[in-house]
Every structure is written in structure tokens, then in C-alpha cells.
């Protein structure tokens, strides 16, 4: 077996990489990663330098890989370690650069060690050992595995990583025949609330339509990106992905990207961007030029649920945070990250912090359960835990 550190995803053959992506995570497709690099969103200038790990057999065939980046900041990771960086700075130490295994700007749990054979633990160990060796030999403070698949946690723990627990809100398709059948599992009051949300959108004369990548030209992407940018600026930030990225990924992954367009009097007033996986839908970006009553809920949540039901997708992950998702049928799901720090004393201190933080997360999830909209007599199981 031969390990290579690859600083440009185009150096790896598209089909060979995608052969490792068994679950068809859209943001781990070679085309997605290439669009991120070609558009400049992922680059040394943006603080994301590719250091992908590739493992080849003696025939030169790619057997395993890890999407890995050298980071000079912590933006776009959605696993917050700013306090750790500040503690390093106060101690006169450098926290950056660090290494991060992640899908850039995408807080969705998925495999971080891609394998031709999921049972090939030797290949998985070689990839992980290579990442640790890179962190140890070069001037990196740490190695972080963001949003790994739960199946990878034992391997990470055995390798000495400390695990960090967090929570997102996901929707699970329990074989619903329609959106109304899904709502029948709610208590009467919660069901009325959702119907009231949807009625308010219709009463404003707003119409919605779904488009996939092949339906989106540069002009339409320009309109959608303007809406996304406006919403980001209202929050004091800018989008991580630029217009060139969306145009490129739409061309390369036409059937894996979808957009809900909201129109009023034939004018586009809002949009939401989604990615379509093998079994899941992933909500990512939302934008509107002005506030509209309940439109965010309709566009980002209810439309996504309807899409999953219609296309028989089992899972809908609409993004991070947002307790308002609970009353709309989303359940708490455990997410994870794994961390290794070179400095032994800091590593031990962070381990103690993560133990305390985990107890807080568990208490929070228990409290959230009590606000579930589902009827106790509906037979709907308890909210799922990805652990």
C-alpha cells in the first residue's frame, strides 16, 4: 500500500474517488470537491488548503481516502473550537495551522474515511495513521475529524482521539404516503400550527417550484445567489460558497442539487438550496429579499419533507441548530466530532471539558424530547440517536 498527500483533488481520478463514496454523500462526490477548489472557495487564500490522503494498492488502484485540509482559522467547520485557540494564544502557543477532516462548509454527518471495502479496517487504520503522522511531523497543533459517521467512532477512540458530542434536528421518513399522513402523527394543536404556516404562505399569493441542477442556468443562479447573499449580509457574514461554485457544481452534479424557488407576481422572492443523496436530502442555503410570513418554514422544511415523501428518501437533514424545527417534526439526533491535540496538557484539559460538555448535551436532548409534536398514541418511536 502507498500513501499520497494530494493537494488538488483533480490529481485523483473522478471515478476512482467516487467508487469509495458508497452512500453517495453529495458533498463528498469528486465533482463537489472539485467545484469547491476550482471556484476558489477551498484554497490557501480562503484558509482551506487541501491535504487529501489517498491510499493506493500495489496496482495503483485507489483503495481508501480522506478529505483533509490544512486550516488557518476555524470558520466553516460548525464544530466550535475558538475558545481552544484563544487558550493557546494566551499561553503563547500557536493553534493554527491545524488539520481538519471534513466536508468543507457542510455540517452533515458522513464517512470521513472512504473505503473501497467498508470492512477493510487495515486500510482505514493506515489512512488515519497517515493523518496523525502528518499532524505530528509538520507544524500542526492538532487533527480534527468533523461530523464522522457513528461507525467510525470506535476506530477514532482507539486511535486516541477524544470524542465530542453535539445535537442536530433531523426528519425521518416512516413510510408516509403523503404530507397529510405525516401530520396525522402530530397532536391536534401542533398539526393546526403547521397547517396555519402553510396557509399563510398561500394567502400571500406565493407559489413554489422545484428545479434541479440541469434546470438552472447562470442567470437563475445569479438571482438565487443574490438572495442568499442578502440573507447572509443581514446576519453580518458572507456565503462560504460563491456564485462560481454553484454554477460549477450544478453543471457537474445536476441531479444532486435542487432548488426551491418562491415567486410572487412572477418575481423570485426567495430560494432554498438542497443536496440529494442516495437516501437523504440535505438542506443548505436559504435567501429572501424581504421577510414573508412563514415562508422560511415552508421553503426550507415543509417542501423538503414533501420532497422526501415523494422521492422515498428516508432522511432529511436541514442544517445546524434551530429549536423551532422540533414543533415541525424534526427530532434530536446526536452528532460527533473527534479531536487530537499535540500538546499533552491542553489535550488532557480539553478532554475534561468534553466530558462535562457531553453531560450538558445529554440533558439538553432529554429536555427537547418533552417538546415533541408527535402524539403519544401515534406509535411514532422516540427521536432517533445516530449514536
Protein backbone atom coordinates (compact mmCIF):
# COMPACT_ATOMS: atom_id res chain seq x y z
CA UNK A 1 0.00 0.00 0.00
CA UNK A 2 1.18 3.50 -0.89
CA UNK A 3 0.05 6.75 0.74
CA UNK A 4 -0.02 10.10 -1.08
CA UNK A 5 -0.89 13.56 0.21
CA UNK A 6 -2.87 15.20 -2.59
CA UNK A 7 -3.10 19.00 -2.74
CA UNK A 8 -5.51 19.16 -5.68
CA UNK A 9 -8.48 16.82 -5.98
CA UNK A 10 -8.11 16.90 -9.78
CA UNK A 11 -4.96 14.80 -9.33
CA UNK A 12 -7.25 11.91 -8.38
CA UNK A 13 -9.46 10.27 -10.97
CA UNK A 14 -13.15 11.09 -10.52
CA UNK A 15 -14.46 7.56 -10.94
CA UNK A 16 -11.84 6.10 -8.59
CA UNK A 17 -12.73 8.57 -5.81
CA UNK A 18 -16.49 8.22 -6.25
CA UNK A 19 -16.17 4.43 -6.09
CA UNK A 20 -15.30 4.91 -2.42
CA UNK A 21 -18.39 7.04 -1.72
CA UNK A 22 -20.80 4.13 -1.28
CA UNK A 23 -23.56 6.09 0.44
CA UNK A 24 -23.49 8.76 -2.30
CA UNK A 25 -22.95 11.67 0.06
CA UNK A 26 -23.31 14.56 -2.42
CA UNK A 27 -20.74 16.79 -0.68
CA UNK A 28 -18.12 14.02 -0.85
CA UNK A 29 -18.50 13.45 -4.58
CA UNK A 30 -15.34 14.25 -6.50
CA UNK A 31 -17.36 16.77 -8.54
CA UNK A 32 -18.40 18.68 -5.40
CA UNK A 33 -14.84 18.82 -4.06
CA UNK A 34 -13.50 19.85 -7.46
CA UNK A 35 -16.06 22.67 -7.78
CA UNK A 36 -15.10 23.92 -4.30
CA UNK A 37 -11.42 24.01 -5.27
CA UNK A 38 -11.87 25.34 -8.82
CA UNK A 39 -14.08 28.21 -7.60
CA UNK A 40 -11.51 29.26 -5.01
CA UNK A 41 -13.85 28.63 -2.08
CA UNK A 42 -11.42 25.95 -0.90
CA UNK A 43 -7.88 27.26 -1.35
CA UNK A 44 -4.90 28.57 0.61
CA UNK A 45 -6.34 32.07 0.16
CA UNK A 46 -9.58 31.05 1.89
CA UNK A 47 -7.72 29.25 4.70
CA UNK A 48 -8.61 25.78 3.39
CA UNK A 49 -5.56 24.13 1.81
CA UNK A 50 -6.30 20.60 0.51
CA UNK A 51 -4.16 17.86 2.04
CA UNK A 52 -6.29 14.89 0.97
CA UNK A 53 -4.95 11.46 1.91
CA UNK A 54 -5.06 8.76 -0.77
CA UNK A 55 -4.15 5.10 -0.24
CA UNK A 56 -3.23 3.04 -3.32
CA UNK A 57 -2.65 -0.70 -3.61
CA UNK A 58 0.33 -2.21 -5.45
CA UNK A 59 -1.57 -1.97 -8.75
CA UNK A 60 -2.03 1.79 -8.29
CA UNK A 61 -5.78 1.45 -7.58
CA UNK A 62 -7.25 3.85 -5.02
CA UNK A 63 -8.44 1.83 -2.01
CA UNK A 64 -9.09 4.49 0.62
CA UNK A 65 -9.10 8.26 1.05
CA UNK A 66 -9.77 11.07 3.50
CA UNK A 67 -10.84 14.62 2.58
CA UNK A 68 -8.34 16.60 4.65
CA UNK A 69 -7.49 20.31 4.89
CA UNK A 70 -4.86 22.49 6.44
CA UNK A 71 -6.74 25.28 8.23
CA UNK A 72 -5.53 28.72 9.33
CA UNK A 73 -8.81 29.55 11.11
CA UNK A 74 -11.95 27.75 12.32
CA UNK A 75 -14.58 29.29 10.03
CA UNK A 76 -16.87 26.98 8.10
CA UNK A 77 -16.45 23.93 10.33
CA UNK A 78 -19.54 24.19 12.59
CA UNK A 79 -17.65 22.48 15.41
CA UNK A 80 -16.58 25.40 17.54
CA UNK A 81 -13.07 25.45 18.95
CA UNK A 82 -12.48 29.21 19.13
CA UNK A 83 -12.03 29.02 22.91
CA UNK A 84 -9.29 26.41 22.45
CA UNK A 85 -7.48 28.70 20.00
CA UNK A 86 -7.76 31.60 22.44
CA UNK A 87 -6.38 29.47 25.26
CA UNK A 88 -3.39 28.56 23.09
CA UNK A 89 -2.82 32.23 22.30
CA UNK A 90 -2.91 33.21 25.98
CA UNK A 91 -0.32 30.50 26.66
CA UNK A 92 1.95 31.86 23.92
CA UNK A 93 1.32 28.89 21.63
CA UNK A 94 0.12 28.65 18.03
CA UNK A 95 -3.18 26.83 17.44
CA UNK A 96 -3.12 27.44 13.69
CA UNK A 97 -2.43 25.83 11.34
CA UNK A 98 -4.36 22.71 12.19
CA UNK A 99 -5.63 19.74 10.17
CA UNK A 100 -9.33 19.13 9.64
CA UNK A 101 -11.01 16.14 8.00
CA UNK A 102 -14.38 17.44 6.83
CA UNK A 103 -16.72 18.22 4.00
CA UNK A 104 -15.90 21.90 3.66
CA UNK A 105 -18.62 24.26 4.89
CA UNK A 106 -21.03 21.32 5.26
CA UNK A 107 -22.05 20.23 8.79
CA UNK A 108 -23.54 16.90 7.70
CA UNK A 109 -22.51 13.60 9.29
CA UNK A 110 -20.87 11.26 6.78
CA UNK A 111 -17.87 8.99 6.48
CA UNK A 112 -14.54 10.70 6.79
CA UNK A 113 -12.51 7.63 5.81
CA UNK A 114 -13.73 6.48 2.40
CA UNK A 115 -13.04 2.82 1.67
CA UNK A 116 -13.38 0.60 -1.37
CA UNK A 117 -14.40 -2.10 1.12
CA UNK A 118 -16.14 -0.77 4.24
CA UNK A 119 -14.86 -3.79 6.18
CA UNK A 120 -11.21 -3.03 5.36
CA UNK A 121 -10.08 -1.94 8.81
CA UNK A 122 -6.41 -2.18 7.80
CA UNK A 123 -6.89 0.45 5.10
CA UNK A 124 -8.91 2.63 7.48
CA UNK A 125 -6.17 2.43 10.09
CA UNK A 126 -3.49 3.29 7.53
CA UNK A 127 -5.35 6.40 6.41
CA UNK A 128 -5.92 7.56 9.99
CA UNK A 129 -2.33 6.82 10.99
CA UNK A 130 -1.12 8.81 7.99
CA UNK A 131 -3.23 11.81 9.02
CA UNK A 132 -1.85 11.61 12.57
CA UNK A 133 1.70 11.24 11.26
CA UNK A 134 1.24 14.34 9.10
CA UNK A 135 0.00 16.29 12.13
CA UNK A 136 2.88 15.09 14.30
CA UNK A 137 5.72 15.68 11.82
CA UNK A 138 4.67 19.08 10.48
CA UNK A 139 3.78 22.30 12.32
CA UNK A 140 0.17 21.46 13.07
CA UNK A 141 -1.26 21.86 16.54
CA UNK A 142 -3.97 19.28 16.11
CA UNK A 143 -6.09 16.98 13.95
CA UNK A 144 -9.89 17.22 13.97
CA UNK A 145 -12.39 14.83 12.38
CA UNK A 146 -15.64 16.78 11.94
CA UNK A 147 -19.04 15.03 11.74
CA UNK A 148 -17.77 11.47 11.23
CA UNK A 149 -20.13 8.55 10.72
CA UNK A 150 -21.04 6.81 14.01
CA UNK A 151 -19.48 3.58 12.69
CA UNK A 152 -16.10 5.37 12.66
CA UNK A 153 -16.19 6.36 16.33
CA UNK A 154 -14.64 3.14 17.76
CA UNK A 155 -11.71 3.44 15.34
CA UNK A 156 -11.18 7.09 16.28
CA UNK A 157 -11.39 6.40 20.01
CA UNK A 158 -8.94 3.51 19.70
CA UNK A 159 -6.50 5.81 17.87
CA UNK A 160 -6.54 8.17 20.86
CA UNK A 161 -8.96 10.84 19.70
CA UNK A 162 -11.28 12.47 22.22
CA UNK A 163 -14.91 12.44 21.09
CA UNK A 164 -17.17 15.47 21.21
CA UNK A 165 -20.95 15.09 21.28
CA UNK A 166 -23.46 17.54 19.85
CA UNK A 167 -27.04 17.60 18.55
CA UNK A 168 -28.87 18.46 15.34
CA UNK A 169 -32.54 18.14 14.34
CA UNK A 170 -33.38 15.72 11.53
CA UNK A 171 -36.57 14.37 9.99
CA UNK A 172 -37.15 10.65 9.45
CA UNK A 173 -39.49 9.19 6.87
CA UNK A 174 -41.56 6.41 8.43
CA UNK A 175 -43.16 5.35 5.19
CA UNK A 176 -45.60 8.27 4.99
CA UNK A 177 -47.90 8.19 1.95
CA UNK A 178 -48.32 11.97 1.96
CA UNK A 179 -47.56 15.12 3.94
CA UNK A 180 -51.03 14.92 5.46
CA UNK A 181 -50.34 11.34 6.60
CA UNK A 182 -47.20 12.63 8.30
CA UNK A 183 -49.19 15.39 10.04
CA UNK A 184 -51.68 12.85 11.35
CA UNK A 185 -48.95 11.71 13.76
CA UNK A 186 -48.99 15.14 15.44
CA UNK A 187 -51.12 16.30 18.32
CA UNK A 188 -54.08 18.38 17.19
CA UNK A 189 -52.58 21.70 18.29
CA UNK A 190 -49.24 21.08 16.58
CA UNK A 191 -50.98 19.88 13.41
CA UNK A 192 -53.02 23.10 13.26
CA UNK A 193 -49.85 25.16 13.68
CA UNK A 194 -48.18 23.58 10.65
CA UNK A 195 -51.31 23.94 8.54
CA UNK A 196 -51.56 27.58 9.59
CA UNK A 197 -47.95 28.14 8.47
CA UNK A 198 -48.68 26.70 5.05
CA UNK A 199 -51.96 28.58 4.69
CA UNK A 200 -50.23 31.90 5.39
CA UNK A 201 -47.81 31.33 2.53
CA UNK A 202 -50.66 30.59 0.12
CA UNK A 203 -52.63 33.62 1.32
CA UNK A 204 -49.71 35.88 0.40
CA UNK A 205 -50.01 34.69 -3.20
CA UNK A 206 -46.63 32.94 -3.12
CA UNK A 207 -46.03 29.99 -5.44
CA UNK A 208 -43.21 27.48 -5.17
CA UNK A 209 -41.47 25.24 -7.67
CA UNK A 210 -38.60 22.76 -7.56
CA UNK A 211 -35.70 22.88 -10.00
CA UNK A 212 -32.70 20.58 -10.31
CA UNK A 213 -29.22 21.49 -11.44
CA UNK A 214 -29.95 20.84 -15.08
CA UNK A 215 -32.80 23.38 -14.94
CA UNK A 216 -30.59 26.15 -13.52
CA UNK A 217 -28.72 28.47 -15.88
CA UNK A 218 -26.19 31.13 -14.87
CA UNK A 219 -28.83 33.88 -14.84
CA UNK A 220 -31.10 31.98 -12.44
CA UNK A 221 -28.16 31.06 -10.22
CA UNK A 222 -27.24 34.74 -10.14
CA UNK A 223 -30.74 35.55 -8.83
CA UNK A 224 -30.61 32.77 -6.23
CA UNK A 225 -27.11 33.72 -5.09
CA UNK A 226 -28.17 37.35 -4.69
CA UNK A 227 -30.94 36.24 -2.35
CA UNK A 228 -28.58 34.01 -0.35
CA UNK A 229 -26.01 36.81 -0.10
CA UNK A 230 -28.62 39.30 1.09
CA UNK A 231 -29.68 36.97 3.89
CA UNK A 232 -26.06 36.33 4.92
CA UNK A 233 -25.32 40.07 4.98
CA UNK A 234 -28.32 40.67 7.25
CA UNK A 235 -26.62 38.34 9.70
CA UNK A 236 -23.27 40.10 9.35
CA UNK A 237 -21.49 37.49 7.21
CA UNK A 238 -20.98 36.34 3.63
CA UNK A 239 -21.66 32.95 1.97
CA UNK A 240 -18.85 30.42 2.15
CA UNK A 241 -19.59 29.24 -1.40
CA UNK A 242 -19.52 31.78 -4.22
CA UNK A 243 -21.56 32.06 -7.42
CA UNK A 244 -18.93 30.26 -9.49
CA UNK A 245 -19.19 27.26 -7.17
CA UNK A 246 -22.95 26.93 -7.58
CA UNK A 247 -22.75 27.23 -11.35
CA UNK A 248 -19.94 24.66 -11.48
CA UNK A 249 -21.49 22.13 -9.09
CA UNK A 250 -24.86 22.49 -10.82
CA UNK A 251 -23.18 21.53 -14.08
CA UNK A 252 -21.17 18.66 -12.62
CA UNK A 253 -23.83 17.26 -10.23
CA UNK A 254 -27.05 18.22 -11.99
CA UNK A 255 -29.16 15.52 -10.35
CA UNK A 256 -27.65 16.01 -6.87
CA UNK A 257 -28.50 19.66 -6.34
CA UNK A 258 -32.05 21.03 -6.11
CA UNK A 259 -33.52 24.46 -5.53
CA UNK A 260 -36.93 25.57 -4.32
CA UNK A 261 -37.89 28.87 -5.91
CA UNK A 262 -40.55 31.06 -4.25
CA UNK A 263 -42.28 33.50 -6.58
CA UNK A 264 -44.73 36.35 -6.06
CA UNK A 265 -46.34 38.02 -9.06
CA UNK A 266 -43.82 36.21 -11.29
CA UNK A 267 -40.86 37.63 -9.36
CA UNK A 268 -38.39 35.40 -7.50
CA UNK A 269 -38.54 36.48 -3.86
CA UNK A 270 -36.83 33.59 -2.03
CA UNK A 271 -34.96 30.35 -2.63
CA UNK A 272 -33.57 27.37 -0.74
CA UNK A 273 -30.75 25.12 -1.94
CA UNK A 274 -30.68 21.37 -1.22
CA UNK A 275 -28.42 18.41 -2.00
CA UNK A 276 -29.85 14.99 -2.80
CA UNK A 277 -28.05 11.88 -1.55
CA UNK A 278 -28.69 8.19 -2.02
CA UNK A 279 -31.13 8.05 0.92
CA UNK A 280 -31.18 11.58 2.28
CA UNK A 281 -31.98 15.18 1.49
CA UNK A 282 -29.71 17.92 2.83
CA UNK A 283 -30.92 21.50 3.22
CA UNK A 284 -28.13 24.02 2.96
CA UNK A 285 -28.76 27.63 1.91
CA UNK A 286 -31.73 29.97 2.17
CA UNK A 287 -32.25 33.50 0.99
CA UNK A 288 -35.03 36.07 0.64
CA UNK A 289 -35.08 39.74 -0.25
CA UNK A 290 -37.61 40.60 2.49
CA UNK A 291 -39.44 38.93 5.40
CA UNK A 292 -42.53 36.90 4.45
CA UNK A 293 -44.82 35.26 6.97
CA UNK A 294 -43.91 31.55 7.42
CA UNK A 295 -42.08 31.39 4.08
CA UNK A 296 -38.84 30.15 5.64
CA UNK A 297 -40.66 27.22 7.27
CA UNK A 298 -42.44 26.35 4.03
CA UNK A 299 -39.43 26.64 1.76
CA UNK A 300 -36.75 25.09 3.96
CA UNK A 301 -38.74 22.48 5.92
CA UNK A 302 -42.18 21.56 4.61
CA UNK A 303 -41.10 21.48 0.98
CA UNK A 304 -38.15 19.27 1.93
CA UNK A 305 -40.40 16.85 3.81
CA UNK A 306 -42.75 16.65 0.84
CA UNK A 307 -39.79 16.01 -1.47
CA UNK A 308 -38.57 13.14 0.74
CA UNK A 309 -42.03 11.56 0.83
CA UNK A 310 -42.47 11.88 -2.94
CA UNK A 311 -39.00 10.50 -3.73
CA UNK A 312 -38.96 7.92 -0.90
CA UNK A 313 -35.92 9.39 0.77
CA UNK A 314 -35.53 8.16 4.33
CA UNK A 315 -33.94 11.14 5.98
CA UNK A 316 -33.92 14.94 5.81
CA UNK A 317 -31.12 16.92 7.41
CA UNK A 318 -31.97 20.65 7.15
CA UNK A 319 -28.79 22.12 8.67
CA UNK A 320 -27.47 23.02 12.09
CA UNK A 321 -29.24 24.47 15.12
CA UNK A 322 -32.84 25.71 15.23
CA UNK A 323 -35.09 24.54 18.06
CA UNK A 324 -38.05 25.82 16.00
CA UNK A 325 -37.59 22.65 13.93
CA UNK A 326 -38.87 20.47 16.79
CA UNK A 327 -42.50 21.58 16.51
CA UNK A 328 -42.34 20.91 12.78
CA UNK A 329 -41.50 17.24 13.13
CA UNK A 330 -37.71 17.20 13.37
CA UNK A 331 -36.13 15.11 16.11
CA UNK A 332 -32.84 15.48 18.01
CA UNK A 333 -30.02 13.39 16.57
CA UNK A 334 -26.57 13.00 18.07
CA UNK A 335 -23.64 14.23 16.00
CA UNK A 336 -19.97 13.78 16.75
CA UNK A 337 -16.51 15.13 16.16
CA UNK A 338 -13.13 13.70 17.16
CA UNK A 339 -10.06 15.66 18.27
CA UNK A 340 -6.36 15.03 18.76
CA UNK A 341 -4.01 17.74 20.06
CA UNK A 342 -0.24 17.57 20.03
CA UNK A 343 0.19 19.47 23.32
CA UNK A 344 -0.36 16.87 26.05
CA UNK A 345 -1.54 19.23 28.81
CA UNK A 346 -4.00 21.04 26.58
CA UNK A 347 -5.22 17.70 25.24
CA UNK A 348 -5.94 16.46 28.78
CA UNK A 349 -7.70 19.71 29.73
CA UNK A 350 -9.91 19.60 26.63
CA UNK A 351 -10.76 16.00 27.44
CA UNK A 352 -12.14 17.10 30.82
CA UNK A 353 -14.09 19.88 29.13
CA UNK A 354 -15.61 17.48 26.60
CA UNK A 355 -16.74 15.12 29.37
CA UNK A 356 -18.63 17.96 31.07
CA UNK A 357 -19.98 19.25 27.77
CA UNK A 358 -21.32 15.81 26.86
CA UNK A 359 -23.39 15.67 30.04
CA UNK A 360 -24.86 19.07 29.16
CA UNK A 361 -25.75 17.90 25.63
CA UNK A 362 -27.43 14.78 27.00
CA UNK A 363 -29.51 16.88 29.42
CA UNK A 364 -30.45 19.20 26.56
CA UNK A 365 -31.59 16.30 24.34
CA UNK A 366 -33.68 14.89 27.19
CA UNK A 367 -35.36 18.29 27.60
CA UNK A 368 -36.02 18.57 23.86
CA UNK A 369 -37.79 15.20 23.82
CA UNK A 370 -40.51 16.67 26.00
CA UNK A 371 -41.47 19.15 23.25
CA UNK A 372 -42.02 16.60 20.51
CA UNK A 373 -45.16 17.34 18.44
CA UNK A 374 -45.96 13.67 17.91
CA UNK A 375 -48.98 12.12 19.62
CA UNK A 376 -48.02 9.58 22.23
CA UNK A 377 -50.63 7.22 20.80
CA UNK A 378 -49.31 7.58 17.24
CA UNK A 379 -46.84 4.76 17.61
CA UNK A 380 -44.11 7.12 16.47
CA UNK A 381 -40.85 5.90 18.04
CA UNK A 382 -38.69 8.08 20.24
CA UNK A 383 -36.47 10.55 18.39
CA UNK A 384 -33.55 8.73 16.83
CA UNK A 385 -30.00 8.92 18.07
CA UNK A 386 -27.28 8.43 15.49
CA UNK A 387 -25.00 7.02 18.17
